[in-house]
Amino acid sequence: MSNMPTQSNYQPTCVVYPLERRKIIKKTLGYVFGWFLVFAIIVVLAFVIAITSKVPVPITETILSRPTTWAIMFGLLFLIAFMKLLYEIFYYNFYSYDLQENQMVIQKGVIGRTEITTQYNRIQNVFVDQDFWDRIFGLYDVQLITAGIEVATSQPLNHIDGVNRENAYMLRDMILQKTRAATNQRQGL
């Protein structure tokens, strides 16, 4: 009897090497932090305008002194955070990737679904990296650079983001191994 996996016991790579749930919080907090900065800039600008206005208006009589203004701003921030959290939960649940025999397939997206298929013989480089928020949450991204596509355009599509350190390096090594095998096969080695 063969030891080859059958269709019934086959698991996609994303099940064996899953994304971390921390990715949901990381993406949500990064987004909300950006909106928080926008609101902070608006508040500072409103205070500067109130202070430098030619018409003397006490700060206590400006729109920023009204509790409803603050309630609306914090309500909007909460709504933005909640909607982003829901989006990231759906994105996490719909995101999948699989290292197949001749290609890697990444499926992602909530409203507009995208499927990226990358032939191993087109991969030129594979590396693991972290951005600022990844470092805070202990997450890693596996980036692929493919032939014929500029780095700036291939990275956002060809990557697995939000895995732990061990899985990131395991995935990188597996992709590199499949890339070498595909290259050797193409060259007849």
Protein backbone atom coordinates (compact mmCIF):
# COMPACT_ATOMS: atom_id res chain seq x y z
CA MET A 1 0.00 0.00 0.00
CA SER A 2 1.31 3.44 -0.89
CA ASN A 3 2.18 6.08 1.71
CA MET A 4 0.95 8.82 -0.63
CA PRO A 5 -1.69 11.09 0.89
CA THR A 6 -5.20 10.49 -0.38
CA GLN A 7 -7.80 13.14 -1.06
CA SER A 8 -9.58 12.23 2.17
CA ASN A 9 -6.63 12.94 4.48
CA TYR A 10 -5.07 15.83 2.53
CA GLN A 11 -4.87 19.12 4.41
CA PRO A 12 -3.95 22.42 2.77
CA THR A 13 -0.75 24.04 3.96
CA CYS A 14 -2.68 26.77 5.79
CA VAL A 15 -4.20 24.13 8.08
CA VAL A 16 -0.83 22.57 8.93
CA TYR A 17 0.94 25.95 9.25
CA PRO A 18 -1.91 28.29 10.24
CA LEU A 19 -2.08 32.05 10.49
CA GLU A 20 -2.08 33.39 14.02
CA ARG A 21 -5.30 34.89 15.38
CA ARG A 22 -3.18 37.77 16.71
CA LYS A 23 -3.12 38.97 13.10
CA ILE A 24 -6.75 40.10 13.50
CA ILE A 25 -5.88 42.32 16.48
CA LYS A 26 -2.68 43.58 14.83
CA LYS A 27 -4.47 44.68 11.67
CA THR A 28 -7.35 46.24 13.62
CA LEU A 29 -5.14 48.15 16.06
CA GLY A 30 -2.87 49.44 13.31
CA TYR A 31 -5.86 50.77 11.39
CA VAL A 32 -7.57 52.27 14.44
CA PHE A 33 -4.30 53.89 15.54
CA GLY A 34 -4.16 55.66 12.17
CA TRP A 35 -7.70 56.99 12.62
CA PHE A 36 -6.89 58.02 16.18
CA LEU A 37 -4.02 60.11 14.81
CA VAL A 38 -6.37 61.72 12.27
CA PHE A 39 -8.82 62.66 15.05
CA ALA A 40 -5.96 63.96 17.22
CA ILE A 41 -4.74 66.18 14.38
CA ILE A 42 -8.27 67.53 13.88
CA VAL A 43 -8.53 68.36 17.60
CA VAL A 44 -5.14 70.09 17.64
CA LEU A 45 -6.02 72.09 14.51
CA ALA A 46 -9.36 73.11 16.02
CA PHE A 47 -7.61 74.33 19.18
CA VAL A 48 -5.00 76.22 17.14
CA ILE A 49 -7.73 77.87 15.07
CA ALA A 50 -9.68 78.78 18.22
CA ILE A 51 -6.60 80.24 19.90
CA THR A 52 -5.34 82.19 16.87
CA SER A 53 -8.75 83.42 15.74
CA LYS A 54 -9.06 87.20 15.32
CA VAL A 55 -12.44 86.99 17.02
CA PRO A 56 -11.73 86.33 20.67
CA VAL A 57 -13.70 83.23 21.63
CA PRO A 58 -12.90 81.50 24.89
CA ILE A 59 -11.86 77.88 24.50
CA THR A 60 -14.77 76.92 26.75
CA GLU A 61 -17.19 78.13 24.06
CA THR A 62 -15.68 76.27 21.09
CA ILE A 63 -17.19 73.19 19.49
CA LEU A 64 -14.53 71.08 21.23
CA SER A 65 -15.90 72.06 24.61
CA ARG A 66 -19.22 70.35 23.92
CA PRO A 67 -19.61 66.80 25.27
CA THR A 68 -21.58 65.80 22.18
CA THR A 69 -18.60 66.60 19.96
CA TRP A 70 -16.40 64.26 21.97
CA ALA A 71 -19.13 61.61 22.12
CA ILE A 72 -19.49 61.74 18.34
CA MET A 73 -15.72 61.54 17.79
CA PHE A 74 -15.27 58.59 20.18
CA GLY A 75 -18.41 56.97 18.79
CA LEU A 76 -17.01 57.23 15.26
CA LEU A 77 -13.69 55.82 16.42
CA PHE A 78 -15.47 52.92 18.14
CA LEU A 79 -17.59 52.27 15.03
CA ILE A 80 -14.50 52.31 12.81
CA ALA A 81 -12.74 49.90 15.18
CA PHE A 82 -15.73 47.56 15.31
CA MET A 83 -16.19 47.52 11.51
CA LYS A 84 -12.46 46.94 10.98
CA LEU A 85 -12.48 44.11 13.53
CA LEU A 86 -15.39 42.43 11.74
CA TYR A 87 -13.64 42.84 8.39
CA GLU A 88 -10.40 41.35 9.74
CA ILE A 89 -12.25 38.37 11.25
CA PHE A 90 -13.84 37.63 7.88
CA TYR A 91 -10.52 38.22 6.07
CA TYR A 92 -8.77 35.81 8.44
CA ASN A 93 -11.44 33.15 7.92
CA PHE A 94 -11.39 33.47 4.12
CA TYR A 95 -7.57 33.60 3.78
CA SER A 96 -5.96 30.36 2.66
CA TYR A 97 -2.75 29.22 1.05
CA ASP A 98 -1.51 25.90 -0.19
CA LEU A 99 1.88 24.70 -1.37
CA GLN A 100 0.86 22.33 -4.14
CA GLU A 101 3.12 20.17 -6.27
CA ASN A 102 4.01 22.76 -8.95
CA GLN A 103 2.58 25.99 -7.59
CA MET A 104 1.60 27.95 -4.55
CA VAL A 105 -1.99 29.18 -4.34
CA ILE A 106 -3.09 32.05 -2.09
CA GLN A 107 -6.78 32.91 -1.77
CA LYS A 108 -7.83 36.04 0.07
CA GLY A 109 -10.37 38.81 0.23
CA VAL A 110 -13.75 39.37 1.80
CA ILE A 111 -15.88 41.22 -0.74
CA GLY A 112 -13.61 40.87 -3.76
CA ARG A 113 -11.98 37.46 -3.65
CA THR A 114 -8.50 37.11 -5.15
CA GLU A 115 -6.61 33.95 -6.03
CA ILE A 116 -2.89 34.25 -6.65
CA THR A 117 -1.20 31.27 -8.27
CA THR A 118 2.59 31.34 -8.34
CA GLN A 119 4.59 28.73 -10.22
CA TYR A 120 7.65 27.66 -8.23
CA ASN A 121 9.94 28.09 -11.25
CA ARG A 122 9.00 31.81 -11.32
CA ILE A 123 10.03 32.46 -7.72
CA GLN A 124 13.36 34.26 -7.45
CA ASN A 125 13.56 34.91 -3.73
CA VAL A 126 11.76 33.99 -0.53
CA PHE A 127 12.35 35.80 2.74
CA VAL A 128 10.82 36.33 6.16
CA ASP A 129 10.24 39.82 7.53
CA GLN A 130 8.37 41.83 10.14
CA ASP A 131 6.95 45.34 10.20
CA PHE A 132 6.51 47.47 13.33
CA TRP A 133 3.17 45.91 14.33
CA ASP A 134 4.43 42.38 13.54
CA ARG A 135 7.24 42.85 16.06
CA ILE A 136 4.81 43.96 18.75
CA PHE A 137 2.55 40.95 18.16
CA GLY A 138 5.26 38.37 17.43
CA LEU A 139 4.12 37.79 13.84
CA TYR A 140 6.11 37.10 10.70
CA ASP A 141 5.48 37.46 6.97
CA VAL A 142 6.80 35.14 4.25
CA GLN A 143 7.48 37.25 1.15
CA LEU A 144 7.93 35.92 -2.40
CA ILE A 145 9.69 37.74 -5.21
CA THR A 146 8.73 36.39 -8.62
CA ALA A 147 10.34 36.66 -12.04
CA GLY A 148 9.02 39.30 -14.38
CA ILE A 149 7.25 41.35 -11.73
CA GLU A 150 8.73 44.33 -9.96
CA VAL A 151 9.30 43.92 -6.23
CA ALA A 152 6.93 46.76 -5.40
CA THR A 153 4.01 45.04 -7.15
CA SER A 154 4.72 41.40 -6.30
CA GLN A 155 5.12 41.70 -2.53
CA PRO A 156 1.58 42.79 -1.66
CA LEU A 157 0.19 39.84 -3.59
CA ASN A 158 2.74 37.10 -3.07
CA HIS A 159 3.04 36.82 0.65
CA ILE A 160 1.73 34.96 3.63
CA ASP A 161 1.37 37.32 6.54
CA GLY A 162 0.61 36.64 10.16
CA VAL A 163 2.32 33.36 11.00
CA ASN A 164 4.48 32.57 14.02
CA ARG A 165 8.27 32.45 13.75
CA GLU A 166 8.58 28.68 13.49
CA ASN A 167 5.93 28.40 10.78
CA ALA A 168 7.38 31.34 8.84
CA TYR A 169 10.78 29.68 8.56
CA MET A 170 9.25 26.27 7.84
CA LEU A 171 7.17 27.77 5.02
CA ARG A 172 10.16 29.68 3.65
CA ASP A 173 12.28 26.51 3.60
CA MET A 174 9.51 24.47 1.97
CA ILE A 175 8.98 27.09 -0.75
CA LEU A 176 12.73 27.37 -1.37
CA GLN A 177 13.00 23.58 -1.63
CA LYS A 178 10.13 23.42 -4.14
CA THR A 179 11.63 26.37 -6.05
CA ARG A 180 15.02 24.62 -6.31
CA ALA A 181 13.35 21.39 -7.44
CA ALA A 182 11.33 23.25 -10.11
CA THR A 183 14.43 25.08 -11.31
CA ASN A 184 16.47 21.86 -11.48
CA GLN A 185 13.65 20.10 -13.34
CA ARG A 186 13.42 22.97 -15.85
CA GLN A 187 17.19 22.82 -16.41
CA GLY A 188 17.11 19.04 -16.76
CA LEU A 189 19.24 18.34 -13.67
